[in-house]
């Protein structure tokens, strides 16, 4: 979509940001669910899974003509934060089971 003004650009960015926030919330819900299936902290950190996701999003970025390094940086930050959340949820679940 070609915008005709800075206000239109900003309006569209705000719209996209709203969608991104909603999707982050949805992803968070799945992260919490995933923590219930994991047996230990290594399963939560899942370095092989992280690298598989990074490879997948780099491919998606390339297919959509988006800078792969930008997408990787965003995803590494996001995944790192989600791992922190998942670790907290995992630890809370483990404490309840004791």
PDB file of N, CA and C in Angstrom:
ATOM      1  N   UNK A   1       0.828  -1.174   0.000  1.00  0.00           N
ATOM      2  CA  UNK A   1       0.000   0.000   0.000  1.00  0.00           C
ATOM      3  C   UNK A   1       0.879   1.245   0.000  1.00  0.00           C
ATOM      4  N   UNK A   2       0.664   2.106  -0.946  1.00  0.00           N
ATOM      5  CA  UNK A   2       1.411   3.352  -1.058  1.00  0.00           C
ATOM      6  C   UNK A   2       0.655   4.445  -0.308  1.00  0.00           C
ATOM      7  N   UNK A   3       1.294   5.024   0.697  1.00  0.00           N
ATOM      8  CA  UNK A   3       0.663   6.056   1.515  1.00  0.00           C
ATOM      9  C   UNK A   3       0.861   7.428   0.872  1.00  0.00           C
ATOM     10  N   UNK A   4      -0.087   8.305   1.161  1.00  0.00           N
ATOM     11  CA  UNK A   4      -0.049   9.654   0.579  1.00  0.00           C
ATOM     12  C   UNK A   4       0.407  10.716   1.572  1.00  0.00           C
ATOM     13  N   UNK A   5       0.612  10.328   2.827  1.00  0.00           N
ATOM     14  CA  UNK A   5       1.051  11.298   3.828  1.00  0.00           C
ATOM     15  C   UNK A   5       1.740  10.572   4.979  1.00  0.00           C
ATOM     16  N   UNK A   6       2.480  11.348   5.767  1.00  0.00           N
ATOM     17  CA  UNK A   6       3.132  10.795   6.949  1.00  0.00           C
ATOM     18  C   UNK A   6       2.087  10.301   7.943  1.00  0.00           C
ATOM     19  N   UNK A   7       0.991  11.001   8.078  1.00  0.00           N
ATOM     20  CA  UNK A   7      -0.077  10.579   8.981  1.00  0.00           C
ATOM     21  C   UNK A   7      -0.627   9.221   8.566  1.00  0.00           C
ATOM     22  N   UNK A   8      -0.778   9.011   7.272  1.00  0.00           N
ATOM     23  CA  UNK A   8      -1.263   7.724   6.779  1.00  0.00           C
ATOM     24  C   UNK A   8      -0.243   6.617   7.074  1.00  0.00           C
ATOM     25  N   UNK A   9       1.034   6.938   6.888  1.00  0.00           N
ATOM     26  CA  UNK A   9       2.094   5.971   7.209  1.00  0.00           C
ATOM     27  C   UNK A   9       2.010   5.602   8.690  1.00  0.00           C
ATOM     28  N   UNK A  10       1.927   6.619   9.547  1.00  0.00           N
ATOM     29  CA  UNK A  10       1.877   6.370  10.990  1.00  0.00           C
ATOM     30  C   UNK A  10       0.625   5.604  11.384  1.00  0.00           C
ATOM     31  N   UNK A  11      -0.483   5.910  10.763  1.00  0.00           N
ATOM     32  CA  UNK A  11      -1.720   5.181  11.039  1.00  0.00           C
ATOM     33  C   UNK A  11      -1.581   3.702  10.697  1.00  0.00           C
ATOM     34  N   UNK A  12      -0.945   3.424   9.573  1.00  0.00           N
ATOM     35  CA  UNK A  12      -0.736   2.036   9.172  1.00  0.00           C
ATOM     36  C   UNK A  12       0.259   1.333  10.088  1.00  0.00           C
ATOM     37  N   UNK A  13       1.298   2.040  10.511  1.00  0.00           N
ATOM     38  CA  UNK A  13       2.239   1.452  11.458  1.00  0.00           C
ATOM     39  C   UNK A  13       1.513   1.127  12.763  1.00  0.00           C
ATOM     40  N   UNK A  14       0.675   2.030  13.241  1.00  0.00           N
ATOM     41  CA  UNK A  14      -0.101   1.778  14.463  1.00  0.00           C
ATOM     42  C   UNK A  14      -0.997   0.553  14.303  1.00  0.00           C
ATOM     43  N   UNK A  15      -1.615   0.405  13.150  1.00  0.00           N
ATOM     44  CA  UNK A  15      -2.480  -0.746  12.873  1.00  0.00           C
ATOM     45  C   UNK A  15      -1.672  -2.038  12.900  1.00  0.00           C
ATOM     46  N   UNK A  16      -0.509  -2.023  12.263  1.00  0.00           N
ATOM     47  CA  UNK A  16       0.359  -3.201  12.240  1.00  0.00           C
ATOM     48  C   UNK A  16       0.864  -3.515  13.654  1.00  0.00           C
ATOM     49  N   UNK A  17       1.245  -2.474  14.411  1.00  0.00           N
ATOM     50  CA  UNK A  17       1.700  -2.694  15.787  1.00  0.00           C
ATOM     51  C   UNK A  17       0.620  -3.362  16.619  1.00  0.00           C
ATOM     52  N   UNK A  18      -0.619  -2.963  16.453  1.00  0.00           N
ATOM     53  CA  UNK A  18      -1.735  -3.576  17.184  1.00  0.00           C
ATOM     54  C   UNK A  18      -1.821  -5.064  16.857  1.00  0.00           C
ATOM     55  N   UNK A  19      -1.688  -5.408  15.586  1.00  0.00           N
ATOM     56  CA  UNK A  19      -1.721  -6.816  15.188  1.00  0.00           C
ATOM     57  C   UNK A  19      -0.545  -7.580  15.789  1.00  0.00           C
ATOM     58  N   UNK A  20       0.627  -6.974  15.743  1.00  0.00           N
ATOM     59  CA  UNK A  20       1.818  -7.635  16.290  1.00  0.00           C
ATOM     60  C   UNK A  20       1.621  -7.921  17.772  1.00  0.00           C
ATOM     61  N   UNK A  21       1.104  -6.955  18.524  1.00  0.00           N
ATOM     62  CA  UNK A  21       0.873  -7.140  19.955  1.00  0.00           C
ATOM     63  C   UNK A  21      -0.121  -8.276  20.197  1.00  0.00           C
ATOM     64  N   UNK A  22      -1.185  -8.321  19.412  1.00  0.00           N
ATOM     65  CA  UNK A  22      -2.157  -9.405  19.547  1.00  0.00           C
ATOM     66  C   UNK A  22      -1.499 -10.756  19.275  1.00  0.00           C
ATOM     67  N   UNK A  23      -0.646 -10.823  18.264  1.00  0.00           N
ATOM     68  CA  UNK A  23       0.030 -12.078  17.934  1.00  0.00           C
ATOM     69  C   UNK A  23       1.050 -12.466  18.996  1.00  0.00           C
ATOM     70  N   UNK A  24       1.724 -11.469  19.587  1.00  0.00           N
ATOM     71  CA  UNK A  24       2.653 -11.766  20.674  1.00  0.00           C
ATOM     72  C   UNK A  24       1.881 -12.357  21.850  1.00  0.00           C
ATOM     73  N   UNK A  25       0.715 -11.792  22.136  1.00  0.00           N
ATOM     74  CA  UNK A  25      -0.121 -12.343  23.202  1.00  0.00           C
ATOM     75  C   UNK A  25      -0.543 -13.773  22.914  1.00  0.00           C
ATOM     76  N   UNK A  26      -0.904 -14.045  21.675  1.00  0.00           N
ATOM     77  CA  UNK A  26      -1.283 -15.408  21.295  1.00  0.00           C
ATOM     78  C   UNK A  26      -0.089 -16.348  21.447  1.00  0.00           C
ATOM     79  N   UNK A  27       1.081 -15.910  20.998  1.00  0.00           N
ATOM     80  CA  UNK A  27       2.288 -16.729  21.103  1.00  0.00           C
ATOM     81  C   UNK A  27       2.605 -17.006  22.574  1.00  0.00           C
ATOM     82  N   UNK A  28       2.448 -15.989  23.438  1.00  0.00           N
ATOM     83  CA  UNK A  28       2.695 -16.152  24.866  1.00  0.00           C
ATOM     84  C   UNK A  28       1.813 -17.252  25.450  1.00  0.00           C
ATOM     85  N   UNK A  29       0.567 -17.288  25.045  1.00  0.00           N
ATOM     86  CA  UNK A  29      -0.331 -18.327  25.545  1.00  0.00           C
ATOM     87  C   UNK A  29       0.170 -19.721  25.182  1.00  0.00           C
ATOM     88  N   UNK A  30       0.678 -19.890  23.983  1.00  0.00           N
ATOM     89  CA  UNK A  30       1.215 -21.191  23.584  1.00  0.00           C
ATOM     90  C   UNK A  30       2.505 -21.514  24.326  1.00  0.00           C
ATOM     91  N   UNK A  31       3.320 -20.488  24.585  1.00  0.00           N
ATOM     92  CA  UNK A  31       4.555 -20.699  25.344  1.00  0.00           C
ATOM     93  C   UNK A  31       4.223 -21.224  26.736  1.00  0.00           C
ATOM     94  N   UNK A  32       3.228 -20.628  27.385  1.00  0.00           N
ATOM     95  CA  UNK A  32       2.827 -21.115  28.708  1.00  0.00           C
ATOM     96  C   UNK A  32       2.334 -22.558  28.636  1.00  0.00           C
ATOM     97  N   UNK A  33       1.584 -22.871  27.605  1.00  0.00           N
ATOM     98  CA  UNK A  33       1.111 -24.247  27.449  1.00  0.00           C
ATOM     99  C   UNK A  33       2.280 -25.202  27.247  1.00  0.00           C
ATOM    100  N   UNK A  34       3.257 -24.782  26.445  1.00  0.00           N
ATOM    101  CA  UNK A  34       4.413 -25.636  26.161  1.00  0.00           C
ATOM    102  C   UNK A  34       5.172 -25.972  27.441  1.00  0.00           C
ATOM    103  N   UNK A  35       5.246 -25.009  28.361  1.00  0.00           N
ATOM    104  CA  UNK A  35       6.019 -25.239  29.589  1.00  0.00           C
ATOM    105  C   UNK A  35       5.468 -26.420  30.389  1.00  0.00           C
ATOM    106  N   UNK A  36       4.206 -26.712  30.246  1.00  0.00           N
ATOM    107  CA  UNK A  36       3.585 -27.811  30.995  1.00  0.00           C
ATOM    108  C   UNK A  36       3.984 -29.184  30.456  1.00  0.00           C
ATOM    109  N   UNK A  37       4.493 -29.215  29.237  1.00  0.00           N
ATOM    110  CA  UNK A  37       4.878 -30.487  28.622  1.00  0.00           C
ATOM    111  C   UNK A  37       6.369 -30.793  28.776  1.00  0.00           C
ATOM    112  N   UNK A  38       7.115 -29.856  29.293  1.00  0.00           N
ATOM    113  CA  UNK A  38       8.566 -30.005  29.340  1.00  0.00           C
ATOM    114  C   UNK A  38       9.010 -30.580  30.674  1.00  0.00           C
ATOM    115  N   UNK A  39      10.024 -31.445  30.610  1.00  0.00           N
ATOM    116  CA  UNK A  39      10.477 -32.198  31.777  1.00  0.00           C
ATOM    117  C   UNK A  39      11.555 -31.477  32.588  1.00  0.00           C
ATOM    118  N   UNK A  40      12.361 -30.610  31.923  1.00  0.00           N
ATOM    119  CA  UNK A  40      13.443 -29.940  32.633  1.00  0.00           C
ATOM    120  C   UNK A  40      13.787 -28.623  31.950  1.00  0.00           C
ATOM    121  N   UNK A  41      14.705 -27.873  32.577  1.00  0.00           N
ATOM    122  CA  UNK A  41      15.082 -26.548  32.079  1.00  0.00           C
ATOM    123  C   UNK A  41      15.712 -26.622  30.690  1.00  0.00           C
ATOM    124  N   UNK A  42      16.451 -27.682  30.400  1.00  0.00           N
ATOM    125  CA  UNK A  42      17.062 -27.814  29.070  1.00  0.00           C
ATOM    126  C   UNK A  42      15.988 -27.932  27.991  1.00  0.00           C
ATOM    127  N   UNK A  43      14.897 -28.603  28.318  1.00  0.00           N
ATOM    128  CA  UNK A  43      13.802 -28.718  27.357  1.00  0.00           C
ATOM    129  C   UNK A  43      13.142 -27.362  27.123  1.00  0.00           C
ATOM    130  N   UNK A  44      13.117 -26.534  28.162  1.00  0.00           N
ATOM    131  CA  UNK A  44      12.557 -25.187  28.009  1.00  0.00           C
ATOM    132  C   UNK A  44      13.451 -24.353  27.097  1.00  0.00           C
ATOM    133  N   UNK A  45      14.750 -24.429  27.325  1.00  0.00           N
ATOM    134  CA  UNK A  45      15.686 -23.621  26.522  1.00  0.00           C
ATOM    135  C   UNK A  45      15.789 -24.122  25.090  1.00  0.00           C
ATOM    136  N   UNK A  46      15.676 -25.398  24.881  1.00  0.00           N
ATOM    137  CA  UNK A  46      15.609 -26.058  23.573  1.00  0.00           C
ATOM    138  C   UNK A  46      16.445 -25.383  22.478  1.00  0.00           C
ATOM    139  N   UNK A  47      17.766 -25.375  22.632  1.00  0.00           N
ATOM    140  CA  UNK A  47      18.600 -24.681  21.647  1.00  0.00           C
ATOM    141  C   UNK A  47      18.429 -25.184  20.217  1.00  0.00           C
ATOM    142  N   UNK A  48      18.201 -26.475  20.037  1.00  0.00           N
ATOM    143  CA  UNK A  48      17.998 -26.985  18.673  1.00  0.00           C
ATOM    144  C   UNK A  48      16.713 -26.439  18.065  1.00  0.00           C
ATOM    145  N   UNK A  49      15.666 -26.346  18.887  1.00  0.00           N
ATOM    146  CA  UNK A  49      14.394 -25.776  18.426  1.00  0.00           C
ATOM    147  C   UNK A  49      14.572 -24.299  18.083  1.00  0.00           C
ATOM    148  N   UNK A  50      15.311 -23.563  18.916  1.00  0.00           N
ATOM    149  CA  UNK A  50      15.564 -22.142  18.642  1.00  0.00           C
ATOM    150  C   UNK A  50      16.219 -21.990  17.274  1.00  0.00           C
ATOM    151  N   UNK A  51      17.243 -22.786  17.009  1.00  0.00           N
ATOM    152  CA  UNK A  51      17.947 -22.667  15.733  1.00  0.00           C
ATOM    153  C   UNK A  51      17.056 -23.071  14.560  1.00  0.00           C
ATOM    154  N   UNK A  52      16.183 -24.049  14.761  1.00  0.00           N
ATOM    155  CA  UNK A  52      15.245 -24.444  13.698  1.00  0.00           C
ATOM    156  C   UNK A  52      14.275 -23.305  13.399  1.00  0.00           C
ATOM    157  N   UNK A  53      13.805 -22.635  14.447  1.00  0.00           N
ATOM    158  CA  UNK A  53      12.896 -21.493  14.245  1.00  0.00           C
ATOM    159  C   UNK A  53      13.629 -20.370  13.519  1.00  0.00           C
ATOM    160  N   UNK A  54      14.857 -20.095  13.923  1.00  0.00           N
ATOM    161  CA  UNK A  54      15.632 -19.035  13.264  1.00  0.00           C
ATOM    162  C   UNK A  54      15.825 -19.350  11.788  1.00  0.00           C
ATOM    163  N   UNK A  55      16.169 -20.580  11.486  1.00  0.00           N
ATOM    164  CA  UNK A  55      16.335 -20.977  10.078  1.00  0.00           C
ATOM    165  C   UNK A  55      15.024 -20.787   9.303  1.00  0.00           C
ATOM    166  N   UNK A  56      13.906 -21.188   9.929  1.00  0.00           N
ATOM    167  CA  UNK A  56      12.600 -21.066   9.282  1.00  0.00           C
ATOM    168  C   UNK A  56      12.247 -19.608   9.007  1.00  0.00           C
ATOM    169  N   UNK A  57      12.458 -18.731   9.996  1.00  0.00           N
ATOM    170  CA  UNK A  57      12.073 -17.328   9.784  1.00  0.00           C
ATOM    171  C   UNK A  57      13.023 -16.619   8.825  1.00  0.00           C
ATOM    172  N   UNK A  58      14.261 -17.044   8.792  1.00  0.00           N
ATOM    173  CA  UNK A  58      15.180 -16.470   7.789  1.00  0.00           C
ATOM    174  C   UNK A  58      14.711 -16.851   6.376  1.00  0.00           C
ATOM    175  N   UNK A  59      14.292 -18.103   6.224  1.00  0.00           N
ATOM    176  CA  UNK A  59      13.755 -18.528   4.930  1.00  0.00           C
ATOM    177  C   UNK A  59      12.498 -17.734   4.568  1.00  0.00           C
ATOM    178  N   UNK A  60      11.615 -17.554   5.531  1.00  0.00           N
ATOM    179  CA  UNK A  60      10.395 -16.777   5.285  1.00  0.00           C
ATOM    180  C   UNK A  60      10.734 -15.332   4.928  1.00  0.00           C
ATOM    181  N   UNK A  61      11.712 -14.764   5.617  1.00  0.00           N
ATOM    182  CA  UNK A  61      12.139 -13.396   5.308  1.00  0.00           C
ATOM    183  C   UNK A  61      12.653 -13.308   3.874  1.00  0.00           C
ATOM    184  N   UNK A  62      13.512 -14.246   3.521  1.00  0.00           N
ATOM    185  CA  UNK A  62      14.074 -14.269   2.166  1.00  0.00           C
ATOM    186  C   UNK A  62      12.957 -14.403   1.128  1.00  0.00           C
ATOM    187  N   UNK A  63      12.000 -15.285   1.384  1.00  0.00           N
ATOM    188  CA  UNK A  63      10.888 -15.486   0.454  1.00  0.00           C
ATOM    189  C   UNK A  63      10.008 -14.249   0.310  1.00  0.00           C
ATOM    190  N   UNK A  64      10.021 -13.393   1.338  1.00  0.00           N
ATOM    191  CA  UNK A  64       9.182 -12.197   1.325  1.00  0.00           C
ATOM    192  C   UNK A  64       9.987 -10.919   1.105  1.00  0.00           C
ATOM    193  N   UNK A  65      11.234 -11.073   0.673  1.00  0.00           N
ATOM    194  CA  UNK A  65      12.110  -9.941   0.362  1.00  0.00           C
ATOM    195  C   UNK A  65      12.270  -8.998   1.559  1.00  0.00           C
ATOM    196  N   UNK A  66      12.509  -9.602   2.738  1.00  0.00           N
ATOM    197  CA  UNK A  66      12.752  -8.852   3.964  1.00  0.00           C
ATOM    198  C   UNK A  66      14.164  -9.193   4.426  1.00  0.00           C
ATOM    199  N   UNK A  67      14.852  -8.229   4.978  1.00  0.00           N
ATOM    200  CA  UNK A  67      16.215  -8.435   5.437  1.00  0.00           C
ATOM    201  C   UNK A  67      16.267  -9.581   6.447  1.00  0.00           C
ATOM    202  N   UNK A  68      16.981 -10.638   6.111  1.00  0.00           N
ATOM    203  CA  UNK A  68      17.056 -11.835   6.956  1.00  0.00           C
ATOM    204  C   UNK A  68      17.717 -11.547   8.302  1.00  0.00           C
ATOM    205  N   UNK A  69      18.741 -10.686   8.305  1.00  0.00           N
ATOM    206  CA  UNK A  69      19.428 -10.373   9.547  1.00  0.00           C
ATOM    207  C   UNK A  69      18.513  -9.606  10.504  1.00  0.00           C
ATOM    208  N   UNK A  70      17.711  -8.714   9.964  1.00  0.00           N
ATOM    209  CA  UNK A  70      16.739  -7.981  10.773  1.00  0.00           C
ATOM    210  C   UNK A  70      15.754  -8.946  11.422  1.00  0.00           C
ATOM    211  N   UNK A  71      15.205  -9.842  10.624  1.00  0.00           N
ATOM    212  CA  UNK A  71      14.232 -10.805  11.135  1.00  0.00           C
ATOM    213  C   UNK A  71      14.880 -11.708  12.179  1.00  0.00           C
ATOM    214  N   UNK A  72      16.095 -12.162  11.913  1.00  0.00           N
ATOM    215  CA  UNK A  72      16.775 -13.013  12.889  1.00  0.00           C
ATOM    216  C   UNK A  72      16.981 -12.277  14.206  1.00  0.00           C
ATOM    217  N   UNK A  73      17.415 -11.026  14.141  1.00  0.00           N
ATOM    218  CA  UNK A  73      17.649 -10.254  15.367  1.00  0.00           C
ATOM    219  C   UNK A  73      16.360 -10.084  16.165  1.00  0.00           C
ATOM    220  N   UNK A  74      15.278  -9.766  15.485  1.00  0.00           N
ATOM    221  CA  UNK A  74      13.985  -9.605  16.161  1.00  0.00           C
ATOM    222  C   UNK A  74      13.569 -10.918  16.810  1.00  0.00           C
ATOM    223  N   UNK A  75      13.694 -12.012  16.072  1.00  0.00           N
ATOM    224  CA  UNK A  75      13.273 -13.311  16.602  1.00  0.00           C
ATOM    225  C   UNK A  75      14.170 -13.792  17.738  1.00  0.00           C
ATOM    226  N   UNK A  76      15.464 -13.562  17.647  1.00  0.00           N
ATOM    227  CA  UNK A  76      16.341 -13.988  18.749  1.00  0.00           C
ATOM    228  C   UNK A  76      15.979 -13.240  20.040  1.00  0.00           C
ATOM    229  N   UNK A  77      15.696 -11.945  19.907  1.00  0.00           N
ATOM    230  CA  UNK A  77      15.275 -11.175  21.077  1.00  0.00           C
ATOM    231  C   UNK A  77      13.945 -11.689  21.601  1.00  0.00           C
ATOM    232  N   UNK A  78      12.986 -11.882  20.714  1.00  0.00           N
ATOM    233  CA  UNK A  78      11.664 -12.344  21.112  1.00  0.00           C
ATOM    234  C   UNK A  78      11.744 -13.731  21.752  1.00  0.00           C
ATOM    235  N   UNK A  79      12.451 -14.640  21.121  1.00  0.00           N
ATOM    236  CA  UNK A  79      12.572 -15.995  21.653  1.00  0.00           C
ATOM    237  C   UNK A  79      13.247 -15.974  23.017  1.00  0.00           C
ATOM    238  N   UNK A  80      14.291 -15.177  23.161  1.00  0.00           N
ATOM    239  CA  UNK A  80      14.970 -15.072  24.450  1.00  0.00           C
ATOM    240  C   UNK A  80      14.021 -14.633  25.555  1.00  0.00           C
ATOM    241  N   UNK A  81      13.191 -13.658  25.255  1.00  0.00           N
ATOM    242  CA  UNK A  81      12.221 -13.181  26.248  1.00  0.00           C
ATOM    243  C   UNK A  81      11.155 -14.237  26.525  1.00  0.00           C
ATOM    244  N   UNK A  82      10.723 -14.935  25.496  1.00  0.00           N
ATOM    245  CA  UNK A  82       9.739 -15.995  25.707  1.00  0.00           C
ATOM    246  C   UNK A  82      10.327 -17.155  26.508  1.00  0.00           C
ATOM    247  N   UNK A  83      11.595 -17.462  26.300  1.00  0.00           N
ATOM    248  CA  UNK A  83      12.243 -18.507  27.099  1.00  0.00           C
ATOM    249  C   UNK A  83      12.248 -18.087  28.564  1.00  0.00           C
ATOM    250  N   UNK A  84      12.531 -16.812  28.842  1.00  0.00           N
ATOM    251  CA  UNK A  84      12.488 -16.327  30.226  1.00  0.00           C
ATOM    252  C   UNK A  84      11.094 -16.520  30.824  1.00  0.00           C
ATOM    253  N   UNK A  85      10.060 -16.165  30.078  1.00  0.00           N
ATOM    254  CA  UNK A  85       8.687 -16.356  30.550  1.00  0.00           C
ATOM    255  C   UNK A  85       8.369 -17.831  30.765  1.00  0.00           C
ATOM    256  N   UNK A  86       8.795 -18.640  29.811  1.00  0.00           N
ATOM    257  CA  UNK A  86       8.514 -20.069  29.903  1.00  0.00           C
ATOM    258  C   UNK A  86       9.241 -20.690  31.093  1.00  0.00           C
ATOM    259  N   UNK A  87      10.463 -20.235  31.361  1.00  0.00           N
ATOM    260  CA  UNK A  87      11.197 -20.751  32.522  1.00  0.00           C
ATOM    261  C   UNK A  87      10.444 -20.424  33.809  1.00  0.00           C
ATOM    262  N   UNK A  88       9.924 -19.219  33.914  1.00  0.00           N
ATOM    263  CA  UNK A  88       9.153 -18.849  35.108  1.00  0.00           C
ATOM    264  C   UNK A  88       7.924 -19.743  35.240  1.00  0.00           C
ATOM    265  N   UNK A  89       7.216 -19.942  34.147  1.00  0.00           N
ATOM    266  CA  UNK A  89       6.021 -20.794  34.175  1.00  0.00           C
ATOM    267  C   UNK A  89       6.405 -22.232  34.515  1.00  0.00           C
ATOM    268  N   UNK A  90       7.499 -22.719  33.937  1.00  0.00           N
ATOM    269  CA  UNK A  90       7.973 -24.080  34.210  1.00  0.00           C
ATOM    270  C   UNK A  90       8.316 -24.232  35.691  1.00  0.00           C
ATOM    271  N   UNK A  91       9.032 -23.253  36.249  1.00  0.00           N
ATOM    272  CA  UNK A  91       9.432 -23.316  37.649  1.00  0.00           C
ATOM    273  C   UNK A  91       8.211 -23.265  38.570  1.00  0.00           C
ATOM    274  N   UNK A  92       7.218 -22.443  38.216  1.00  0.00           N
ATOM    275  CA  UNK A  92       5.994 -22.379  39.025  1.00  0.00           C
ATOM    276  C   UNK A  92       5.258 -23.716  39.006  1.00  0.00           C
ATOM    277  N   UNK A  93       5.206 -24.339  37.831  1.00  0.00           N
ATOM    278  CA  UNK A  93       4.554 -25.645  37.715  1.00  0.00           C
ATOM    279  C   UNK A  93       5.319 -26.695  38.530  1.00  0.00           C
ATOM    280  N   UNK A  94       6.639 -26.662  38.450  1.00  0.00           N
ATOM    281  CA  UNK A  94       7.473 -27.619  39.194  1.00  0.00           C
ATOM    282  C   UNK A  94       7.291 -27.439  40.702  1.00  0.00           C
ATOM    283  N   UNK A  95       7.176 -26.210  41.156  1.00  0.00           N
ATOM    284  CA  UNK A  95       6.976 -25.962  42.588  1.00  0.00           C
ATOM    285  C   UNK A  95       5.636 -26.494  43.060  1.00  0.00           C
ATOM    286  N   UNK A  96       4.610 -26.376  42.231  1.00  0.00           N
ATOM    287  CA  UNK A  96       3.280 -26.880  42.599  1.00  0.00           C
ATOM    288  C   UNK A  96       3.265 -28.401  42.684  1.00  0.00           C
ATOM    289  N   UNK A  97       4.123 -29.044  41.924  1.00  0.00           N
ATOM    290  CA  UNK A  97       4.151 -30.510  41.910  1.00  0.00           C
ATOM    291  C   UNK A  97       4.934 -31.101  43.082  1.00  0.00           C
ATOM    292  N   UNK A  98       5.724 -30.261  43.741  1.00  0.00           N
ATOM    293  CA  UNK A  98       6.550 -30.766  44.851  1.00  0.00           C
ATOM    294  C   UNK A  98       5.719 -31.026  46.093  1.00  0.00           C
TER     295      UNK A  98
END
